[in-house]
Amino acid sequence: EQVNASIDELRLRESALDKREEEMVQAEQNLEADHERREVEIGRREEKFKHEQESLKQGMVRLQAWSDQLTVKEKRLQSERHQLTLREERLNKFLSSYESAPMTNNGSGDLSMMSEL
């Protein structure tokens, strides 16, 4: 009878160990599945990051090109402004000379200065 009780106790322990082993296997499988999901999520995030990084690089290239175009336009406008300033100075010089020139030929001033413009 005591032998039967010992056998029953051993069977209960074995059953408990089997159950615990199944729980451990299930926990390990859950950990592996969780790890795989995380790896997939990390890969997805890395791809998204690479895409965003490439998009930013392209944006920076476009921005630099636009900046370069604006710089060229700004230099051209500065040159045009300088040319206009020079023309204005020549015109003012001509007008000043014209106003102070003696009258000749039917009351008109000396128009030879027009060639300076």
Protein backbone atom coordinates (compact mmCIF):
# COMPACT_ATOMS: atom_id res chain seq x y z
CA GLU A 1 0.00 0.00 0.00
CA GLN A 2 2.83 2.37 0.83
CA VAL A 3 4.46 1.43 -2.46
CA ASN A 4 1.26 2.29 -4.30
CA ALA A 5 1.13 5.64 -2.47
CA SER A 6 4.74 6.34 -3.44
CA ILE A 7 3.99 5.43 -7.05
CA ASP A 8 0.95 7.75 -7.03
CA GLU A 9 3.06 10.54 -5.53
CA LEU A 10 5.74 10.01 -8.19
CA ARG A 11 3.08 10.08 -10.93
CA LEU A 12 1.71 13.36 -9.51
CA ARG A 13 5.20 14.84 -9.43
CA GLU A 14 5.87 13.62 -12.98
CA SER A 15 2.57 15.10 -14.14
CA ALA A 16 3.43 18.41 -12.42
CA LEU A 17 6.88 18.38 -14.02
CA ASP A 18 5.37 17.61 -17.43
CA LYS A 19 2.93 20.48 -16.97
CA ARG A 20 5.76 22.79 -15.87
CA GLU A 21 7.85 21.69 -18.87
CA GLU A 22 4.93 22.46 -21.22
CA GLU A 23 4.59 25.89 -19.59
CA MET A 24 8.31 26.50 -20.06
CA VAL A 25 8.15 25.42 -23.72
CA GLN A 26 5.14 27.70 -24.27
CA ALA A 27 6.92 30.59 -22.52
CA GLU A 28 9.99 30.04 -24.70
CA GLN A 29 7.86 29.98 -27.84
CA ASN A 30 6.14 33.18 -26.73
CA LEU A 31 9.53 34.81 -26.16
CA GLU A 32 10.74 33.72 -29.58
CA ALA A 33 7.56 35.01 -31.25
CA ASP A 34 7.86 38.30 -29.35
CA HIS A 35 11.51 38.56 -30.39
CA GLU A 36 10.59 37.94 -34.04
CA ARG A 37 7.84 40.60 -33.89
CA ARG A 38 10.30 43.06 -32.42
CA GLU A 39 12.88 42.25 -35.10
CA VAL A 40 10.24 42.82 -37.80
CA GLU A 41 9.21 46.11 -36.16
CA ILE A 42 12.86 47.22 -35.90
CA GLY A 43 13.37 46.36 -39.58
CA ARG A 44 10.24 48.30 -40.53
CA ARG A 45 11.38 51.31 -38.51
CA GLU A 46 14.86 51.15 -40.03
CA GLU A 47 13.37 51.12 -43.54
CA LYS A 48 11.11 54.04 -42.67
CA PHE A 49 14.10 55.91 -41.22
CA LYS A 50 16.18 55.23 -44.34
CA HIS A 51 13.33 56.44 -46.54
CA GLU A 52 12.90 59.61 -44.48
CA GLN A 53 16.66 60.17 -44.45
CA GLU A 54 16.81 59.83 -48.25
CA SER A 55 13.86 62.17 -48.59
CA LEU A 56 15.64 64.71 -46.37
CA LYS A 57 18.82 64.39 -48.45
CA GLN A 58 16.85 65.03 -51.65
CA GLY A 59 15.16 67.98 -49.98
CA MET A 60 18.53 69.39 -48.95
CA VAL A 61 19.83 69.03 -52.51
CA ARG A 62 16.75 70.85 -53.86
CA LEU A 63 17.10 73.51 -51.19
CA GLN A 64 20.79 74.03 -52.01
CA ALA A 65 19.99 74.30 -55.73
CA TRP A 66 17.29 76.86 -54.99
CA SER A 67 19.69 78.78 -52.74
CA ASP A 68 22.32 78.75 -55.49
CA GLN A 69 19.76 80.07 -57.99
CA LEU A 70 18.79 82.84 -55.60
CA THR A 71 22.45 83.75 -55.11
CA VAL A 72 22.95 84.00 -58.88
CA LYS A 73 19.82 86.15 -59.22
CA GLU A 74 20.93 88.34 -56.32
CA LYS A 75 24.33 88.91 -57.93
CA ARG A 76 22.69 89.71 -61.26
CA LEU A 77 20.36 92.20 -59.57
CA GLN A 78 23.30 93.80 -57.76
CA SER A 79 25.09 94.15 -61.09
CA GLU A 80 21.99 95.66 -62.70
CA ARG A 81 21.59 98.03 -59.74
CA HIS A 82 25.22 99.07 -60.13
CA GLN A 83 24.72 99.68 -63.87
CA LEU A 84 21.62 101.75 -63.13
CA THR A 85 23.54 103.76 -60.55
CA LEU A 86 26.30 104.44 -63.10
CA ARG A 87 23.73 105.50 -65.70
CA GLU A 88 22.04 107.77 -63.18
CA GLU A 89 25.38 109.37 -62.33
CA ARG A 90 26.16 109.94 -66.03
CA LEU A 91 22.67 111.35 -66.60
CA ASN A 92 23.03 113.68 -63.63
CA LYS A 93 26.45 114.77 -64.90
CA PHE A 94 25.00 115.40 -68.34
CA LEU A 95 22.03 117.34 -66.96
CA SER A 96 24.33 119.39 -64.78
CA SER A 97 26.60 120.15 -67.74
CA TYR A 98 23.63 120.82 -70.00
CA GLU A 99 22.09 123.27 -67.56
CA SER A 100 25.37 125.17 -67.25
CA ALA A 101 26.22 125.07 -70.98
CA PRO A 102 25.81 128.30 -73.01
CA MET A 103 22.85 128.41 -75.36
CA THR A 104 23.63 127.94 -79.08
CA ASN A 105 21.75 127.19 -82.28
CA ASN A 106 18.21 128.36 -81.68
CA GLY A 107 18.43 128.21 -77.91
CA SER A 108 19.46 124.58 -77.58
CA GLY A 109 22.44 123.65 -75.47
CA ASP A 110 25.49 121.76 -76.63
CA LEU A 111 24.23 118.23 -77.28
CA SER A 112 27.68 116.74 -77.78
CA MET A 113 27.49 115.50 -74.20
CA MET A 114 24.66 113.19 -75.16
CA SER A 115 27.26 110.75 -76.44
CA GLU A 116 28.44 110.28 -72.85
CA LEU A 117 25.18 108.58 -72.01
